[in-house]
Amino acid sequence: MQVCVNGELGPVDALRVSPLDHGLLVGDGVFETLRVYGGVPFAWTRHLQRLARSAAGLGLGIPEVAKLRDQAEAVLAANTLTEARLRITITGGPAPLGSERAAVAPTVIVAASALTPWPPTADVVTVPWPRRWSSPRAH
């Protein structure tokens, strides 16, 4: 599996995130997960706007949207994925062990994986009468 960490595309077992990354230490980070249909991330603009709002709420910056899109496309191509789950994660980057941040760029991870097919669906039957949750027979 190929991923992109801070703009570098490579094998997932070769790329590293600092053990002092604030995303790991104190949960200082945001992520967005997108469904990919036919090689195209669904609702890209809306997802990236939400990612930017979430990041801004924590005082994190995000890379230019064009750079993120290039990284997303590179990850999808490197893994030959057309139907996939794409995840963009942004953390506070390496910092001291406490709550304060360091003056560093955020850590940016772009990863994708194939989707596991859902099991066959089941038929559902509805009935015309309401269920009364307070009834002794409802328990």
N, C-alpha and C. Protein backbone atom coordinates (compact mmCIF):
# COMPACT_ATOMS: atom_id res chain seq x y z
N MET A 1 0.85 -1.18 0.00
CA MET A 1 0.00 0.00 0.00
C MET A 1 0.89 1.24 0.00
N GLN A 2 0.56 2.18 -0.88
CA GLN A 2 1.28 3.45 -0.99
C GLN A 2 0.46 4.55 -0.30
N VAL A 3 1.12 5.40 0.46
CA VAL A 3 0.49 6.53 1.13
C VAL A 3 1.33 7.77 0.88
N CYS A 4 0.78 8.91 1.19
CA CYS A 4 1.51 10.16 1.07
C CYS A 4 1.59 10.79 2.46
N VAL A 5 2.81 11.03 2.94
CA VAL A 5 3.04 11.67 4.23
C VAL A 5 3.85 12.92 3.99
N ASN A 6 3.27 14.05 4.33
CA ASN A 6 3.92 15.35 4.14
C ASN A 6 4.44 15.53 2.72
N GLY A 7 3.62 15.11 1.76
CA GLY A 7 3.96 15.30 0.36
C GLY A 7 4.83 14.23 -0.26
N GLU A 8 5.27 13.27 0.53
CA GLU A 8 6.13 12.19 0.02
C GLU A 8 5.30 10.92 -0.17
N LEU A 9 5.28 10.42 -1.39
CA LEU A 9 4.55 9.19 -1.70
C LEU A 9 5.50 8.01 -1.55
N GLY A 10 5.06 6.98 -0.84
CA GLY A 10 5.89 5.81 -0.67
C GLY A 10 5.14 4.68 0.00
N PRO A 11 5.79 3.53 0.18
CA PRO A 11 5.16 2.39 0.84
C PRO A 11 4.81 2.72 2.29
N VAL A 12 3.66 2.24 2.72
CA VAL A 12 3.18 2.56 4.07
C VAL A 12 4.18 2.15 5.14
N ASP A 13 4.94 1.09 4.93
CA ASP A 13 5.90 0.65 5.94
C ASP A 13 7.22 1.39 5.88
N ALA A 14 7.40 2.27 4.88
CA ALA A 14 8.65 3.02 4.76
C ALA A 14 8.52 4.46 5.24
N LEU A 15 7.31 5.00 5.24
CA LEU A 15 7.10 6.38 5.66
C LEU A 15 6.75 6.42 7.14
N ARG A 16 7.18 7.48 7.79
CA ARG A 16 7.01 7.56 9.24
C ARG A 16 6.42 8.89 9.68
N VAL A 17 5.72 8.84 10.78
CA VAL A 17 5.23 10.02 11.49
C VAL A 17 5.98 10.04 12.82
N SER A 18 6.39 11.22 13.25
CA SER A 18 7.15 11.34 14.50
C SER A 18 6.37 10.79 15.68
N PRO A 19 7.04 10.08 16.60
CA PRO A 19 6.36 9.63 17.81
C PRO A 19 5.96 10.80 18.71
N LEU A 20 6.48 11.99 18.41
CA LEU A 20 6.10 13.18 19.17
C LEU A 20 5.05 14.01 18.44
N ASP A 21 4.43 13.43 17.41
CA ASP A 21 3.39 14.15 16.67
C ASP A 21 2.20 14.39 17.60
N HIS A 22 1.70 15.60 17.58
CA HIS A 22 0.59 15.97 18.47
C HIS A 22 -0.69 15.21 18.18
N GLY A 23 -0.83 14.71 16.96
CA GLY A 23 -1.99 13.88 16.65
C GLY A 23 -1.98 12.61 17.49
N LEU A 24 -0.78 12.07 17.74
CA LEU A 24 -0.64 10.86 18.56
C LEU A 24 -0.65 11.19 20.05
N LEU A 25 0.04 12.26 20.41
CA LEU A 25 0.21 12.57 21.83
C LEU A 25 -1.05 13.08 22.50
N VAL A 26 -1.73 14.02 21.85
CA VAL A 26 -2.87 14.66 22.51
C VAL A 26 -4.13 14.71 21.64
N GLY A 27 -4.13 13.97 20.52
CA GLY A 27 -5.31 13.94 19.66
C GLY A 27 -5.53 15.24 18.91
N ASP A 28 -4.47 16.00 18.67
CA ASP A 28 -4.54 17.30 18.03
C ASP A 28 -4.52 17.12 16.52
N GLY A 29 -5.68 16.92 15.93
CA GLY A 29 -5.74 16.70 14.50
C GLY A 29 -7.16 16.57 14.00
N VAL A 30 -7.30 16.59 12.71
CA VAL A 30 -8.60 16.44 12.05
C VAL A 30 -8.43 15.47 10.89
N PHE A 31 -9.53 14.92 10.44
CA PHE A 31 -9.48 14.05 9.26
C PHE A 31 -10.78 14.15 8.51
N GLU A 32 -10.72 13.76 7.26
CA GLU A 32 -11.89 13.70 6.41
C GLU A 32 -11.77 12.44 5.58
N THR A 33 -12.87 11.71 5.43
CA THR A 33 -12.88 10.48 4.64
C THR A 33 -13.86 10.67 3.49
N LEU A 34 -13.40 10.34 2.30
CA LEU A 34 -14.20 10.51 1.10
C LEU A 34 -14.38 9.17 0.39
N ARG A 35 -15.52 8.97 -0.20
CA ARG A 35 -15.77 7.80 -1.04
C ARG A 35 -15.29 8.13 -2.44
N VAL A 36 -14.60 7.20 -3.06
CA VAL A 36 -14.10 7.39 -4.41
C VAL A 36 -14.91 6.50 -5.34
N TYR A 37 -15.52 7.11 -6.36
CA TYR A 37 -16.31 6.40 -7.37
C TYR A 37 -15.61 6.57 -8.72
N GLY A 38 -15.25 5.48 -9.36
CA GLY A 38 -14.64 5.56 -10.68
C GLY A 38 -13.37 6.40 -10.69
N GLY A 39 -12.64 6.38 -9.59
CA GLY A 39 -11.39 7.13 -9.50
C GLY A 39 -11.55 8.59 -9.10
N VAL A 40 -12.80 9.03 -8.86
CA VAL A 40 -13.06 10.43 -8.53
C VAL A 40 -13.59 10.54 -7.10
N PRO A 41 -12.90 11.29 -6.23
CA PRO A 41 -13.40 11.49 -4.87
C PRO A 41 -14.74 12.24 -4.90
N PHE A 42 -15.74 11.67 -4.24
CA PHE A 42 -17.09 12.23 -4.22
C PHE A 42 -17.13 13.50 -3.35
N ALA A 43 -17.76 14.54 -3.85
CA ALA A 43 -17.99 15.80 -3.14
C ALA A 43 -16.69 16.38 -2.59
N TRP A 44 -15.66 16.37 -3.44
CA TRP A 44 -14.33 16.84 -3.03
C TRP A 44 -14.38 18.22 -2.39
N THR A 45 -15.02 19.17 -3.05
CA THR A 45 -15.05 20.55 -2.56
C THR A 45 -15.70 20.64 -1.19
N ARG A 46 -16.84 20.00 -1.01
CA ARG A 46 -17.52 20.04 0.29
C ARG A 46 -16.69 19.39 1.39
N HIS A 47 -16.07 18.27 1.07
CA HIS A 47 -15.23 17.60 2.08
C HIS A 47 -14.03 18.47 2.46
N LEU A 48 -13.41 19.09 1.47
CA LEU A 48 -12.24 19.93 1.78
C LEU A 48 -12.62 21.19 2.52
N GLN A 49 -13.80 21.73 2.24
CA GLN A 49 -14.28 22.88 3.00
C GLN A 49 -14.50 22.50 4.46
N ARG A 50 -15.08 21.33 4.67
CA ARG A 50 -15.31 20.86 6.05
C ARG A 50 -13.99 20.59 6.75
N LEU A 51 -13.03 19.99 6.04
CA LEU A 51 -11.71 19.76 6.61
C LEU A 51 -11.06 21.08 7.02
N ALA A 52 -11.14 22.08 6.14
CA ALA A 52 -10.56 23.40 6.44
C ALA A 52 -11.23 24.04 7.65
N ARG A 53 -12.57 23.94 7.75
CA ARG A 53 -13.28 24.50 8.92
C ARG A 53 -12.86 23.79 10.20
N SER A 54 -12.77 22.47 10.14
CA SER A 54 -12.37 21.71 11.33
C SER A 54 -10.95 22.08 11.74
N ALA A 55 -10.05 22.16 10.76
CA ALA A 55 -8.66 22.50 11.05
C ALA A 55 -8.57 23.91 11.63
N ALA A 56 -9.29 24.85 11.05
CA ALA A 56 -9.27 26.23 11.55
C ALA A 56 -9.77 26.29 12.99
N GLY A 57 -10.76 25.47 13.31
CA GLY A 57 -11.27 25.43 14.68
C GLY A 57 -10.21 25.02 15.69
N LEU A 58 -9.22 24.26 15.25
CA LEU A 58 -8.12 23.85 16.13
C LEU A 58 -6.88 24.72 15.93
N GLY A 59 -6.98 25.70 15.04
CA GLY A 59 -5.83 26.54 14.76
C GLY A 59 -4.79 25.87 13.89
N LEU A 60 -5.21 24.88 13.11
CA LEU A 60 -4.31 24.19 12.18
C LEU A 60 -4.50 24.74 10.78
N GLY A 61 -3.42 24.82 10.05
CA GLY A 61 -3.52 25.17 8.64
C GLY A 61 -3.59 23.89 7.81
N ILE A 62 -4.06 24.02 6.59
CA ILE A 62 -4.05 22.88 5.68
C ILE A 62 -3.29 23.29 4.42
N PRO A 63 -2.71 22.32 3.72
CA PRO A 63 -2.03 22.65 2.46
C PRO A 63 -3.03 23.19 1.44
N GLU A 64 -2.50 23.76 0.37
CA GLU A 64 -3.37 24.22 -0.71
C GLU A 64 -4.20 23.05 -1.21
N VAL A 65 -5.45 23.34 -1.55
CA VAL A 65 -6.36 22.29 -2.01
C VAL A 65 -5.80 21.58 -3.24
N ALA A 66 -5.17 22.32 -4.13
CA ALA A 66 -4.60 21.70 -5.34
C ALA A 66 -3.52 20.69 -4.97
N LYS A 67 -2.70 21.00 -3.97
CA LYS A 67 -1.66 20.05 -3.54
C LYS A 67 -2.30 18.81 -2.93
N LEU A 68 -3.34 18.99 -2.12
CA LEU A 68 -4.02 17.83 -1.54
C LEU A 68 -4.65 16.98 -2.64
N ARG A 69 -5.23 17.62 -3.64
CA ARG A 69 -5.84 16.87 -4.74
C ARG A 69 -4.78 16.08 -5.50
N ASP A 70 -3.62 16.70 -5.75
CA ASP A 70 -2.54 16.00 -6.43
C ASP A 70 -2.08 14.78 -5.62
N GLN A 71 -1.98 14.96 -4.30
CA GLN A 71 -1.57 13.84 -3.44
C GLN A 71 -2.62 12.74 -3.44
N ALA A 72 -3.89 13.12 -3.39
CA ALA A 72 -4.97 12.14 -3.41
C ALA A 72 -4.94 11.34 -4.72
N GLU A 73 -4.78 12.03 -5.82
CA GLU A 73 -4.73 11.35 -7.12
C GLU A 73 -3.51 10.45 -7.22
N ALA A 74 -2.38 10.89 -6.66
CA ALA A 74 -1.17 10.07 -6.69
C ALA A 74 -1.35 8.80 -5.86
N VAL A 75 -1.99 8.92 -4.71
CA VAL A 75 -2.22 7.74 -3.86
C VAL A 75 -3.18 6.77 -4.54
N LEU A 76 -4.24 7.29 -5.13
CA LEU A 76 -5.19 6.42 -5.83
C LEU A 76 -4.52 5.70 -7.00
N ALA A 77 -3.72 6.44 -7.76
CA ALA A 77 -3.03 5.84 -8.92
C ALA A 77 -2.00 4.81 -8.47
N ALA A 78 -1.23 5.14 -7.43
CA ALA A 78 -0.18 4.22 -6.96
C ALA A 78 -0.76 2.91 -6.45
N ASN A 79 -1.99 2.97 -5.94
CA ASN A 79 -2.63 1.77 -5.41
C ASN A 79 -3.64 1.17 -6.39
N THR A 80 -3.69 1.71 -7.61
CA THR A 80 -4.62 1.31 -8.67
C THR A 80 -6.04 1.14 -8.12
N LEU A 81 -6.52 2.19 -7.46
CA LEU A 81 -7.85 2.16 -6.87
C LEU A 81 -8.81 3.07 -7.65
N THR A 82 -9.97 2.54 -7.96
CA THR A 82 -11.01 3.36 -8.56
C THR A 82 -12.25 3.42 -7.67
N GLU A 83 -12.51 2.36 -6.93
CA GLU A 83 -13.59 2.33 -5.94
C GLU A 83 -12.90 2.21 -4.59
N ALA A 84 -12.92 3.29 -3.82
CA ALA A 84 -12.06 3.30 -2.64
C ALA A 84 -12.58 4.22 -1.55
N ARG A 85 -11.89 4.14 -0.45
CA ARG A 85 -12.05 5.05 0.69
C ARG A 85 -10.77 5.87 0.74
N LEU A 86 -10.90 7.20 0.70
CA LEU A 86 -9.76 8.11 0.73
C LEU A 86 -9.81 8.88 2.04
N ARG A 87 -8.69 8.91 2.73
CA ARG A 87 -8.67 9.60 4.02
C ARG A 87 -7.54 10.62 4.04
N ILE A 88 -7.88 11.84 4.44
CA ILE A 88 -6.92 12.91 4.61
C ILE A 88 -6.86 13.24 6.10
N THR A 89 -5.67 13.15 6.67
CA THR A 89 -5.48 13.42 8.10
C THR A 89 -4.48 14.56 8.25
N ILE A 90 -4.81 15.51 9.10
CA ILE A 90 -3.91 16.63 9.39
C ILE A 90 -3.77 16.75 10.90
N THR A 91 -2.52 16.76 11.37
CA THR A 91 -2.27 16.86 12.81
C THR A 91 -1.40 18.09 13.10
N GLY A 92 -1.24 18.37 14.37
CA GLY A 92 -0.43 19.51 14.80
C GLY A 92 1.05 19.35 14.55
N GLY A 93 1.49 18.19 14.10
CA GLY A 93 2.90 17.97 13.83
C GLY A 93 3.69 17.67 15.09
N PRO A 94 4.99 17.42 14.97
CA PRO A 94 5.82 17.12 16.14
C PRO A 94 5.84 18.30 17.10
N ALA A 95 5.74 18.01 18.38
CA ALA A 95 5.68 19.06 19.40
C ALA A 95 6.11 18.50 20.75
N PRO A 96 6.29 19.36 21.75
CA PRO A 96 6.64 18.89 23.09
C PRO A 96 5.56 17.97 23.66
N LEU A 97 5.88 17.28 24.71
CA LEU A 97 4.95 16.32 25.31
C LEU A 97 3.72 16.98 25.93
N GLY A 98 3.77 18.25 26.24
CA GLY A 98 2.61 18.93 26.82
C GLY A 98 1.60 19.31 25.77
N SER A 99 0.72 20.22 26.12
CA SER A 99 -0.35 20.64 25.22
C SER A 99 0.09 21.69 24.21
N GLU A 100 1.20 22.38 24.48
CA GLU A 100 1.61 23.44 23.55
C GLU A 100 2.14 22.87 22.25
N ARG A 101 1.91 23.63 21.19
CA ARG A 101 2.39 23.23 19.87
C ARG A 101 3.78 23.80 19.61
N ALA A 102 4.49 23.17 18.71
CA ALA A 102 5.76 23.69 18.23
C ALA A 102 5.49 24.52 16.97
N ALA A 103 6.44 25.35 16.61
CA ALA A 103 6.31 26.18 15.40
C ALA A 103 6.75 25.35 14.20
N VAL A 104 5.95 24.34 13.86
CA VAL A 104 6.25 23.45 12.74
C VAL A 104 5.02 23.35 11.85
N ALA A 105 5.23 22.89 10.65
CA ALA A 105 4.11 22.65 9.74
C ALA A 105 3.33 21.44 10.24
N PRO A 106 2.03 21.41 9.97
CA PRO A 106 1.25 20.24 10.37
C PRO A 106 1.70 18.99 9.62
N THR A 107 1.42 17.84 10.19
CA THR A 107 1.63 16.57 9.51
C THR A 107 0.41 16.32 8.63
N VAL A 108 0.64 15.94 7.38
CA VAL A 108 -0.45 15.68 6.44
C VAL A 108 -0.28 14.27 5.89
N ILE A 109 -1.32 13.45 6.07
CA ILE A 109 -1.30 12.07 5.60
C ILE A 109 -2.48 11.87 4.66
N VAL A 110 -2.20 11.33 3.47
CA VAL A 110 -3.25 10.99 2.51
C VAL A 110 -3.11 9.50 2.24
N ALA A 111 -4.17 8.76 2.51
CA ALA A 111 -4.15 7.30 2.33
C ALA A 111 -5.46 6.86 1.69
N ALA A 112 -5.43 5.71 1.06
CA ALA A 112 -6.64 5.16 0.44
C ALA A 112 -6.61 3.65 0.55
N SER A 113 -7.79 3.07 0.59
CA SER A 113 -7.89 1.62 0.62
C SER A 113 -9.10 1.18 -0.20
N ALA A 114 -9.02 -0.04 -0.67
CA ALA A 114 -10.14 -0.62 -1.41
C ALA A 114 -11.31 -0.81 -0.45
N LEU A 115 -12.49 -0.78 -0.99
CA LEU A 115 -13.68 -0.98 -0.17
C LEU A 115 -14.00 -2.46 -0.05
N THR A 116 -14.39 -2.87 1.11
CA THR A 116 -14.86 -4.24 1.33
C THR A 116 -16.31 -4.31 0.86
N PRO A 117 -16.64 -5.24 0.00
CA PRO A 117 -18.03 -5.34 -0.46
C PRO A 117 -18.99 -5.60 0.70
N TRP A 118 -20.13 -4.95 0.65
CA TRP A 118 -21.15 -5.18 1.67
C TRP A 118 -21.77 -6.56 1.45
N PRO A 119 -22.22 -7.19 2.52
CA PRO A 119 -22.90 -8.48 2.35
C PRO A 119 -24.24 -8.26 1.64
N PRO A 120 -24.83 -9.35 1.14
CA PRO A 120 -26.13 -9.21 0.47
C PRO A 120 -27.15 -8.54 1.40
N THR A 121 -28.07 -7.84 0.81
CA THR A 121 -29.08 -7.15 1.60
C THR A 121 -30.15 -8.13 2.08
N ALA A 122 -30.94 -7.69 3.01
CA ALA A 122 -32.03 -8.50 3.55
C ALA A 122 -33.35 -7.79 3.30
N ASP A 123 -34.41 -8.54 3.15
CA ASP A 123 -35.73 -7.96 3.00
C ASP A 123 -36.21 -7.48 4.36
N VAL A 124 -36.93 -6.40 4.35
CA VAL A 124 -37.48 -5.83 5.58
C VAL A 124 -38.98 -5.77 5.42
N VAL A 125 -39.68 -6.11 6.49
CA VAL A 125 -41.13 -6.07 6.48
C VAL A 125 -41.58 -4.98 7.45
N THR A 126 -42.51 -4.16 7.01
CA THR A 126 -43.09 -3.16 7.90
C THR A 126 -44.51 -3.57 8.23
N VAL A 127 -44.94 -3.13 9.38
CA VAL A 127 -46.30 -3.45 9.82
C VAL A 127 -47.06 -2.14 10.02
N PRO A 128 -48.38 -2.19 9.92
CA PRO A 128 -49.16 -0.96 9.95
C PRO A 128 -49.42 -0.39 11.36
N TRP A 129 -49.12 -1.14 12.40
CA TRP A 129 -49.44 -0.64 13.73
C TRP A 129 -48.18 -0.13 14.45
N PRO A 130 -48.34 0.91 15.28
CA PRO A 130 -47.18 1.47 15.99
C PRO A 130 -46.80 0.59 17.18
N ARG A 131 -45.55 0.62 17.50
CA ARG A 131 -45.06 -0.09 18.68
C ARG A 131 -45.06 0.90 19.84
N ARG A 132 -45.67 0.50 20.93
CA ARG A 132 -45.73 1.37 22.10
C ARG A 132 -44.60 0.95 23.05
N TRP A 133 -43.61 1.82 23.17
CA TRP A 133 -42.43 1.49 23.97
C TRP A 133 -42.77 1.33 25.44
N SER A 134 -43.85 1.91 25.90
CA SER A 134 -44.21 1.78 27.32
C SER A 134 -44.99 0.50 27.61
N SER A 135 -45.38 -0.22 26.59
CA SER A 135 -46.14 -1.46 26.77
C SER A 135 -45.24 -2.56 27.37
N PRO A 136 -45.78 -3.35 28.30
CA PRO A 136 -44.99 -4.45 28.86
C PRO A 136 -44.59 -5.48 27.79
N ARG A 137 -45.35 -5.57 26.71
CA ARG A 137 -45.03 -6.52 25.66
C ARG A 137 -43.90 -6.04 24.76
N ALA A 138 -43.50 -4.79 24.89
CA ALA A 138 -42.43 -4.25 24.05
C ALA A 138 -41.06 -4.60 24.58
N HIS A 139 -40.97 -5.20 25.75
CA HIS A 139 -39.67 -5.49 26.36
C HIS A 139 -39.28 -6.91 26.21
